[in-house]
Amino acid sequence: AANWYVGTNATGSLSPNSSTLANYESAIANDSNAFA
């Protein structure tokens, strides 16, 4: 959102056990950051 791209559709169905959900969880994971 911060980049102000036009015409993008950065969404997908986050259904249980789907690859989209797995990729999303991986993208937001911040567990290893001790100084978040």
PDB file of all heavy atoms in Angstrom:
ATOM      1  N   ALA A   1       0.829  -1.202   0.000  1.00  0.00           N
ATOM      2  CA  ALA A   1       0.000   0.000   0.000  1.00  0.00           C
ATOM      3  C   ALA A   1       0.863   1.251   0.000  1.00  0.00           C
ATOM      4  O   ALA A   1       0.546   2.247  -0.638  1.00  0.00           O
ATOM      5  CB  ALA A   1      -0.932   0.001   1.206  1.00  0.00           C
ATOM      6  N   ALA A   2       1.971   1.204   0.716  1.00  0.00           N
ATOM      7  CA  ALA A   2       2.831   2.382   0.823  1.00  0.00           C
ATOM      8  C   ALA A   2       3.462   2.746  -0.512  1.00  0.00           C
ATOM      9  O   ALA A   2       3.825   3.893  -0.746  1.00  0.00           O
ATOM     10  CB  ALA A   2       3.913   2.138   1.870  1.00  0.00           C
ATOM     11  N   ASN A   3       3.597   1.764  -1.414  1.00  0.00           N
ATOM     12  CA  ASN A   3       4.256   2.017  -2.693  1.00  0.00           C
ATOM     13  C   ASN A   3       3.337   2.644  -3.743  1.00  0.00           C
ATOM     14  O   ASN A   3       3.790   3.018  -4.807  1.00  0.00           O
ATOM     15  CB  ASN A   3       4.837   0.708  -3.241  1.00  0.00           C
ATOM     16  CG  ASN A   3       6.057   0.272  -2.463  1.00  0.00           C
ATOM     17  OD1 ASN A   3       6.751   1.078  -1.870  1.00  0.00           O
ATOM     18  ND2 ASN A   3       6.299  -1.033  -2.443  1.00  0.00           N
ATOM     19  N   TRP A   4       2.036   2.688  -3.486  1.00  0.00           N
ATOM     20  CA  TRP A   4       1.077   3.348  -4.372  1.00  0.00           C
ATOM     21  C   TRP A   4       1.102   2.766  -5.787  1.00  0.00           C
ATOM     22  O   TRP A   4       1.075   3.489  -6.772  1.00  0.00           O
ATOM     23  CB  TRP A   4       1.311   4.859  -4.408  1.00  0.00           C
ATOM     24  CG  TRP A   4       0.940   5.536  -3.132  1.00  0.00           C
ATOM     25  CD1 TRP A   4       1.721   5.708  -2.048  1.00  0.00           C
ATOM     26  CD2 TRP A   4      -0.327   6.130  -2.802  1.00  0.00           C
ATOM     27  NE1 TRP A   4       1.036   6.360  -1.046  1.00  0.00           N
ATOM     28  CE2 TRP A   4      -0.232   6.635  -1.485  1.00  0.00           C
ATOM     29  CE3 TRP A   4      -1.529   6.273  -3.491  1.00  0.00           C
ATOM     30  CZ2 TRP A   4      -1.281   7.275  -0.857  1.00  0.00           C
ATOM     31  CZ3 TRP A   4      -2.579   6.919  -2.853  1.00  0.00           C
ATOM     32  CH2 TRP A   4      -2.448   7.415  -1.548  1.00  0.00           C
ATOM     33  N   TYR A   5       1.133   1.444  -5.882  1.00  0.00           N
ATOM     34  CA  TYR A   5       1.042   0.812  -7.196  1.00  0.00           C
ATOM     35  C   TYR A   5      -0.400   0.871  -7.701  1.00  0.00           C
ATOM     36  O   TYR A   5      -1.340   0.804  -6.935  1.00  0.00           O
ATOM     37  CB  TYR A   5       1.487  -0.646  -7.131  1.00  0.00           C
ATOM     38  CG  TYR A   5       2.941  -0.837  -6.794  1.00  0.00           C
ATOM     39  CD1 TYR A   5       3.340  -1.846  -5.922  1.00  0.00           C
ATOM     40  CD2 TYR A   5       3.923  -0.021  -7.344  1.00  0.00           C
ATOM     41  CE1 TYR A   5       4.679  -2.027  -5.600  1.00  0.00           C
ATOM     42  CE2 TYR A   5       5.255  -0.187  -7.030  1.00  0.00           C
ATOM     43  CZ  TYR A   5       5.631  -1.196  -6.157  1.00  0.00           C
ATOM     44  OH  TYR A   5       6.950  -1.376  -5.844  1.00  0.00           O
ATOM     45  N   VAL A   6      -0.542   0.971  -9.022  1.00  0.00           N
ATOM     46  CA  VAL A   6      -1.867   1.041  -9.646  1.00  0.00           C
ATOM     47  C   VAL A   6      -2.164  -0.287 -10.347  1.00  0.00           C
ATOM     48  O   VAL A   6      -1.298  -0.858 -10.994  1.00  0.00           O
ATOM     49  CB  VAL A   6      -1.940   2.201 -10.659  1.00  0.00           C
ATOM     50  CG1 VAL A   6      -3.267   2.196 -11.389  1.00  0.00           C
ATOM     51  CG2 VAL A   6      -1.722   3.528  -9.941  1.00  0.00           C
ATOM     52  N   GLY A   7      -3.402  -0.758 -10.204  1.00  0.00           N
ATOM     53  CA  GLY A   7      -3.838  -1.951 -10.920  1.00  0.00           C
ATOM     54  C   GLY A   7      -3.394  -3.256 -10.307  1.00  0.00           C
ATOM     55  O   GLY A   7      -3.485  -4.303 -10.953  1.00  0.00           O
ATOM     56  N   THR A   8      -2.914  -3.244  -9.069  1.00  0.00           N
ATOM     57  CA  THR A   8      -2.460  -4.476  -8.438  1.00  0.00           C
ATOM     58  C   THR A   8      -3.620  -5.167  -7.724  1.00  0.00           C
ATOM     59  O   THR A   8      -4.579  -4.536  -7.291  1.00  0.00           O
ATOM     60  CB  THR A   8      -1.347  -4.195  -7.416  1.00  0.00           C
ATOM     61  OG1 THR A   8      -1.837  -3.303  -6.410  1.00  0.00           O
ATOM     62  CG2 THR A   8      -0.144  -3.573  -8.086  1.00  0.00           C
ATOM     63  N   ASN A   9      -3.495  -6.480  -7.587  1.00  0.00           N
ATOM     64  CA  ASN A   9      -4.505  -7.273  -6.881  1.00  0.00           C
ATOM     65  C   ASN A   9      -3.756  -8.219  -5.952  1.00  0.00           C
ATOM     66  O   ASN A   9      -3.621  -9.416  -6.218  1.00  0.00           O
ATOM     67  CB  ASN A   9      -5.372  -8.047  -7.869  1.00  0.00           C
ATOM     68  CG  ASN A   9      -6.511  -8.770  -7.167  1.00  0.00           C
ATOM     69  OD1 ASN A   9      -6.860  -8.461  -6.031  1.00  0.00           O
ATOM     70  ND2 ASN A   9      -7.086  -9.755  -7.843  1.00  0.00           N
ATOM     71  N   ALA A  10      -3.228  -7.666  -4.867  1.00  0.00           N
ATOM     72  CA  ALA A  10      -2.369  -8.421  -3.948  1.00  0.00           C
ATOM     73  C   ALA A  10      -3.209  -9.193  -2.938  1.00  0.00           C
ATOM     74  O   ALA A  10      -3.065  -9.034  -1.734  1.00  0.00           O
ATOM     75  CB  ALA A  10      -1.414  -7.461  -3.236  1.00  0.00           C
ATOM     76  N   THR A  11      -4.123 -10.022  -3.432  1.00  0.00           N
ATOM     77  CA  THR A  11      -4.990 -10.782  -2.550  1.00  0.00           C
ATOM     78  C   THR A  11      -5.086 -12.217  -3.032  1.00  0.00           C
ATOM     79  O   THR A  11      -4.797 -12.526  -4.177  1.00  0.00           O
ATOM     80  CB  THR A  11      -6.413 -10.191  -2.510  1.00  0.00           C
ATOM     81  OG1 THR A  11      -6.988 -10.278  -3.818  1.00  0.00           O
ATOM     82  CG2 THR A  11      -6.393  -8.748  -2.067  1.00  0.00           C
ATOM     83  N   GLY A  12      -5.492 -13.078  -2.134  1.00  0.00           N
ATOM     84  CA  GLY A  12      -5.715 -14.475  -2.477  1.00  0.00           C
ATOM     85  C   GLY A  12      -6.576 -15.106  -1.410  1.00  0.00           C
ATOM     86  O   GLY A  12      -6.778 -14.539  -0.335  1.00  0.00           O
ATOM     87  N   SER A  13      -7.086 -16.277  -1.674  1.00  0.00           N
ATOM     88  CA  SER A  13      -7.944 -16.965  -0.721  1.00  0.00           C
ATOM     89  C   SER A  13      -7.078 -17.669   0.317  1.00  0.00           C
ATOM     90  O   SER A  13      -6.319 -18.580  -0.007  1.00  0.00           O
ATOM     91  CB  SER A  13      -8.830 -17.981  -1.438  1.00  0.00           C
ATOM     92  OG  SER A  13      -9.632 -18.671  -0.512  1.00  0.00           O
ATOM     93  N   LEU A  14      -7.185 -17.235   1.571  1.00  0.00           N
ATOM     94  CA  LEU A  14      -6.371 -17.810   2.643  1.00  0.00           C
ATOM     95  C   LEU A  14      -7.097 -19.004   3.267  1.00  0.00           C
ATOM     96  O   LEU A  14      -7.356 -19.055   4.464  1.00  0.00           O
ATOM     97  CB  LEU A  14      -6.078 -16.743   3.699  1.00  0.00           C
ATOM     98  CG  LEU A  14      -5.345 -15.498   3.199  1.00  0.00           C
ATOM     99  CD1 LEU A  14      -5.144 -14.498   4.334  1.00  0.00           C
ATOM    100  CD2 LEU A  14      -4.006 -15.867   2.579  1.00  0.00           C
ATOM    101  N   SER A  15      -7.425 -19.989   2.447  1.00  0.00           N
ATOM    102  CA  SER A  15      -8.157 -21.151   2.935  1.00  0.00           C
ATOM    103  C   SER A  15      -7.224 -22.066   3.722  1.00  0.00           C
ATOM    104  O   SER A  15      -6.013 -22.098   3.473  1.00  0.00           O
ATOM    105  CB  SER A  15      -8.783 -21.910   1.767  1.00  0.00           C
ATOM    106  OG  SER A  15      -7.805 -22.256   0.807  1.00  0.00           O
ATOM    107  N   PRO A  16      -7.764 -22.824   4.684  1.00  0.00           N
ATOM    108  CA  PRO A  16      -6.931 -23.698   5.523  1.00  0.00           C
ATOM    109  C   PRO A  16      -6.089 -24.659   4.690  1.00  0.00           C
ATOM    110  O   PRO A  16      -6.545 -25.214   3.698  1.00  0.00           O
ATOM    111  CB  PRO A  16      -7.971 -24.450   6.371  1.00  0.00           C
ATOM    112  CG  PRO A  16      -9.143 -23.535   6.418  1.00  0.00           C
ATOM    113  CD  PRO A  16      -9.181 -22.863   5.077  1.00  0.00           C
ATOM    114  N   ASN A  17      -4.825 -24.819   5.109  1.00  0.00           N
ATOM    115  CA  ASN A  17      -3.882 -25.749   4.489  1.00  0.00           C
ATOM    116  C   ASN A  17      -3.506 -25.386   3.051  1.00  0.00           C
ATOM    117  O   ASN A  17      -2.882 -26.192   2.351  1.00  0.00           O
ATOM    118  CB  ASN A  17      -4.437 -27.179   4.514  1.00  0.00           C
ATOM    119  CG  ASN A  17      -4.735 -27.660   5.919  1.00  0.00           C
ATOM    120  OD1 ASN A  17      -3.948 -27.428   6.838  1.00  0.00           O
ATOM    121  ND2 ASN A  17      -5.865 -28.323   6.099  1.00  0.00           N
ATOM    122  N   SER A  18      -3.874 -24.182   2.597  1.00  0.00           N
ATOM    123  CA  SER A  18      -3.531 -23.775   1.237  1.00  0.00           C
ATOM    124  C   SER A  18      -2.114 -23.221   1.186  1.00  0.00           C
ATOM    125  O   SER A  18      -1.560 -22.763   2.183  1.00  0.00           O
ATOM    126  CB  SER A  18      -4.520 -22.720   0.732  1.00  0.00           C
ATOM    127  OG  SER A  18      -4.367 -21.511   1.460  1.00  0.00           O
ATOM    128  N   SER A  19      -1.511 -23.258  -0.006  1.00  0.00           N
ATOM    129  CA  SER A  19      -0.175 -22.686  -0.175  1.00  0.00           C
ATOM    130  C   SER A  19      -0.206 -21.178   0.009  1.00  0.00           C
ATOM    131  O   SER A  19       0.766 -20.578   0.494  1.00  0.00           O
ATOM    132  CB  SER A  19       0.372 -23.039  -1.572  1.00  0.00           C
ATOM    133  OG  SER A  19      -0.477 -22.539  -2.586  1.00  0.00           O
ATOM    134  N   THR A  20      -1.343 -20.550  -0.377  1.00  0.00           N
ATOM    135  CA  THR A  20      -1.468 -19.096  -0.204  1.00  0.00           C
ATOM    136  C   THR A  20      -1.397 -18.724   1.265  1.00  0.00           C
ATOM    137  O   THR A  20      -0.722 -17.761   1.646  1.00  0.00           O
ATOM    138  CB  THR A  20      -2.796 -18.599  -0.803  1.00  0.00           C
ATOM    139  OG1 THR A  20      -2.880 -18.997  -2.160  1.00  0.00           O
ATOM    140  CG2 THR A  20      -2.896 -17.079  -0.720  1.00  0.00           C
ATOM    141  N   LEU A  21      -2.083 -19.499   2.107  1.00  0.00           N
ATOM    142  CA  LEU A  21      -2.060 -19.242   3.546  1.00  0.00           C
ATOM    143  C   LEU A  21      -0.662 -19.462   4.109  1.00  0.00           C
ATOM    144  O   LEU A  21      -0.172 -18.663   4.910  1.00  0.00           O
ATOM    145  CB  LEU A  21      -3.068 -20.135   4.261  1.00  0.00           C
ATOM    146  CG  LEU A  21      -3.116 -20.010   5.794  1.00  0.00           C
ATOM    147  CD1 LEU A  21      -3.470 -18.586   6.194  1.00  0.00           C
ATOM    148  CD2 LEU A  21      -4.108 -21.001   6.392  1.00  0.00           C
ATOM    149  N   ALA A  22      -0.012 -20.533   3.664  1.00  0.00           N
ATOM    150  CA  ALA A  22       1.346 -20.814   4.141  1.00  0.00           C
ATOM    151  C   ALA A  22       2.303 -19.689   3.753  1.00  0.00           C
ATOM    152  O   ALA A  22       3.141 -19.265   4.562  1.00  0.00           O
ATOM    153  CB  ALA A  22       1.823 -22.151   3.575  1.00  0.00           C
ATOM    154  N   ASN A  23       2.192 -19.196   2.526  1.00  0.00           N
ATOM    155  CA  ASN A  23       3.052 -18.102   2.075  1.00  0.00           C
ATOM    156  C   ASN A  23       2.774 -16.824   2.855  1.00  0.00           C
ATOM    157  O   ASN A  23       3.698 -16.063   3.177  1.00  0.00           O
ATOM    158  CB  ASN A  23       2.846 -17.847   0.579  1.00  0.00           C
ATOM    159  CG  ASN A  23       3.357 -18.990  -0.275  1.00  0.00           C
ATOM    160  OD1 ASN A  23       4.226 -19.754   0.147  1.00  0.00           O
ATOM    161  ND2 ASN A  23       2.825 -19.135  -1.483  1.00  0.00           N
ATOM    162  N   TYR A  24       1.486 -16.577   3.149  1.00  0.00           N
ATOM    163  CA  TYR A  24       1.116 -15.388   3.917  1.00  0.00           C
ATOM    164  C   TYR A  24       1.702 -15.452   5.322  1.00  0.00           C
ATOM    165  O   TYR A  24       2.304 -14.491   5.806  1.00  0.00           O
ATOM    166  CB  TYR A  24      -0.405 -15.275   3.976  1.00  0.00           C
ATOM    167  CG  TYR A  24      -0.901 -14.165   4.876  1.00  0.00           C
ATOM    168  CD1 TYR A  24      -0.816 -12.837   4.471  1.00  0.00           C
ATOM    169  CD2 TYR A  24      -1.450 -14.432   6.122  1.00  0.00           C
ATOM    170  CE1 TYR A  24      -1.256 -11.803   5.281  1.00  0.00           C
ATOM    171  CE2 TYR A  24      -1.894 -13.408   6.952  1.00  0.00           C
ATOM    172  CZ  TYR A  24      -1.799 -12.100   6.520  1.00  0.00           C
ATOM    173  OH  TYR A  24      -2.231 -11.094   7.344  1.00  0.00           O
ATOM    174  N   GLU A  25       1.529 -16.598   5.984  1.00  0.00           N
ATOM    175  CA  GLU A  25       2.051 -16.747   7.340  1.00  0.00           C
ATOM    176  C   GLU A  25       3.566 -16.589   7.361  1.00  0.00           C
ATOM    177  O   GLU A  25       4.138 -16.023   8.290  1.00  0.00           O
ATOM    178  CB  GLU A  25       1.643 -18.100   7.924  1.00  0.00           C
ATOM    179  CG  GLU A  25       0.176 -18.212   8.292  1.00  0.00           C
ATOM    180  CD  GLU A  25      -0.172 -17.430   9.561  1.00  0.00           C
ATOM    181  OE1 GLU A  25       0.744 -16.975  10.266  1.00  0.00           O
ATOM    182  OE2 GLU A  25      -1.372 -17.261   9.838  1.00  0.00           O
ATOM    183  N   SER A  26       4.221 -17.096   6.318  1.00  0.00           N
ATOM    184  CA  SER A  26       5.671 -16.956   6.234  1.00  0.00           C
ATOM    185  C   SER A  26       6.075 -15.496   6.061  1.00  0.00           C
ATOM    186  O   SER A  26       7.077 -15.040   6.632  1.00  0.00           O
ATOM    187  CB  SER A  26       6.193 -17.797   5.063  1.00  0.00           C
ATOM    188  OG  SER A  26       7.585 -17.618   4.889  1.00  0.00           O
ATOM    189  N   ALA A  27       5.278 -14.757   5.267  1.00  0.00           N
ATOM    190  CA  ALA A  27       5.606 -13.354   4.987  1.00  0.00           C
ATOM    191  C   ALA A  27       5.464 -12.470   6.223  1.00  0.00           C
ATOM    192  O   ALA A  27       6.223 -11.511   6.399  1.00  0.00           O
ATOM    193  CB  ALA A  27       4.713 -12.830   3.867  1.00  0.00           C
ATOM    194  N   ILE A  28       4.495 -12.769   7.084  1.00  0.00           N
ATOM    195  CA  ILE A  28       4.267 -11.909   8.245  1.00  0.00           C
ATOM    196  C   ILE A  28       5.016 -12.377   9.487  1.00  0.00           C
ATOM    197  O   ILE A  28       5.078 -11.650  10.487  1.00  0.00           O
ATOM    198  CB  ILE A  28       2.762 -11.814   8.582  1.00  0.00           C
ATOM    199  CG1 ILE A  28       2.204 -13.174   9.001  1.00  0.00           C
ATOM    200  CG2 ILE A  28       1.989 -11.213   7.414  1.00  0.00           C
ATOM    201  CD1 ILE A  28       0.766 -13.127   9.495  1.00  0.00           C
ATOM    202  N   ALA A  29       5.597 -13.583   9.452  1.00  0.00           N
ATOM    203  CA  ALA A  29       6.280 -14.122  10.627  1.00  0.00           C
ATOM    204  C   ALA A  29       7.395 -13.187  11.086  1.00  0.00           C
ATOM    205  O   ALA A  29       8.208 -12.721  10.287  1.00  0.00           O
ATOM    206  CB  ALA A  29       6.840 -15.505  10.314  1.00  0.00           C
ATOM    207  N   ASN A  30       7.417 -12.929  12.394  1.00  0.00           N
ATOM    208  CA  ASN A  30       8.420 -12.033  12.964  1.00  0.00           C
ATOM    209  C   ASN A  30       8.972 -12.623  14.262  1.00  0.00           C
ATOM    210  O   ASN A  30       9.455 -11.906  15.129  1.00  0.00           O
ATOM    211  CB  ASN A  30       7.788 -10.660  13.238  1.00  0.00           C
ATOM    212  CG  ASN A  30       8.800  -9.524  13.246  1.00  0.00           C
ATOM    213  OD1 ASN A  30       9.824  -9.595  12.562  1.00  0.00           O
ATOM    214  ND2 ASN A  30       8.530  -8.488  14.016  1.00  0.00           N
ATOM    215  N   ASP A  31       8.900 -13.945  14.390  1.00  0.00           N
ATOM    216  CA  ASP A  31       9.248 -14.619  15.639  1.00  0.00           C
ATOM    217  C   ASP A  31      10.723 -14.487  15.997  1.00  0.00           C
ATOM    218  O   ASP A  31      11.072 -14.444  17.174  1.00  0.00           O
ATOM    219  CB  ASP A  31       8.878 -16.102  15.537  1.00  0.00           C
ATOM    220  CG  ASP A  31       7.406 -16.316  15.220  1.00  0.00           C
ATOM    221  OD1 ASP A  31       6.589 -16.197  16.141  1.00  0.00           O
ATOM    222  OD2 ASP A  31       7.084 -16.580  14.050  1.00  0.00           O
ATOM    223  N   SER A  32      11.583 -14.447  15.006  1.00  0.00           N
ATOM    224  CA  SER A  32      13.024 -14.431  15.277  1.00  0.00           C
ATOM    225  C   SER A  32      13.562 -13.040  15.585  1.00  0.00           C
ATOM    226  O   SER A  32      14.738 -12.888  15.918  1.00  0.00           O
ATOM    227  CB  SER A  32      13.779 -15.014  14.078  1.00  0.00           C
ATOM    228  OG  SER A  32      13.550 -14.236  12.911  1.00  0.00           O
ATOM    229  N   ASN A  33      12.710 -12.019  15.481  1.00  0.00           N
ATOM    230  CA  ASN A  33      13.147 -10.648  15.733  1.00  0.00           C
ATOM    231  C   ASN A  33      13.035 -10.345  17.223  1.00  0.00           C
ATOM    232  O   ASN A  33      11.948 -10.117  17.756  1.00  0.00           O
ATOM    233  CB  ASN A  33      12.276  -9.676  14.925  1.00  0.00           C
ATOM    234  CG  ASN A  33      12.789  -8.249  14.987  1.00  0.00           C
ATOM    235  OD1 ASN A  33      13.717  -7.941  15.736  1.00  0.00           O
ATOM    236  ND2 ASN A  33      12.188  -7.373  14.193  1.00  0.00           N
ATOM    237  N   ALA A  34      14.146 -10.355  17.922  1.00  0.00           N
ATOM    238  CA  ALA A  34      14.145 -10.122  19.372  1.00  0.00           C
ATOM    239  C   ALA A  34      13.963  -8.651  19.722  1.00  0.00           C
ATOM    240  O   ALA A  34      13.695  -8.317  20.876  1.00  0.00           O
ATOM    241  CB  ALA A  34      15.447 -10.638  19.984  1.00  0.00           C
ATOM    242  N   PHE A  35      14.118  -7.758  18.731  1.00  0.00           N
ATOM    243  CA  PHE A  35      14.022  -6.319  18.959  1.00  0.00           C
ATOM    244  C   PHE A  35      13.009  -5.712  17.989  1.00  0.00           C
ATOM    245  O   PHE A  35      13.299  -4.772  17.255  1.00  0.00           O
ATOM    246  CB  PHE A  35      15.390  -5.665  18.801  1.00  0.00           C
ATOM    247  CG  PHE A  35      16.439  -6.251  19.699  1.00  0.00           C
ATOM    248  CD1 PHE A  35      17.270  -7.264  19.253  1.00  0.00           C
ATOM    249  CD2 PHE A  35      16.573  -5.817  21.014  1.00  0.00           C
ATOM    250  CE1 PHE A  35      18.231  -7.821  20.084  1.00  0.00           C
ATOM    251  CE2 PHE A  35      17.526  -6.363  21.857  1.00  0.00           C
ATOM    252  CZ  PHE A  35      18.362  -7.371  21.396  1.00  0.00           C
ATOM    253  N   ALA A  36      11.782  -6.263  18.001  1.00  0.00           N
ATOM    254  CA  ALA A  36      10.769  -5.894  17.011  1.00  0.00           C
ATOM    255  C   ALA A  36      10.180  -4.510  17.226  1.00  0.00           C
ATOM    256  O   ALA A  36       9.474  -4.003  16.366  1.00  0.00           O
ATOM    257  CB  ALA A  36       9.638  -6.933  17.031  1.00  0.00           C
TER     258      ALA A  36
END
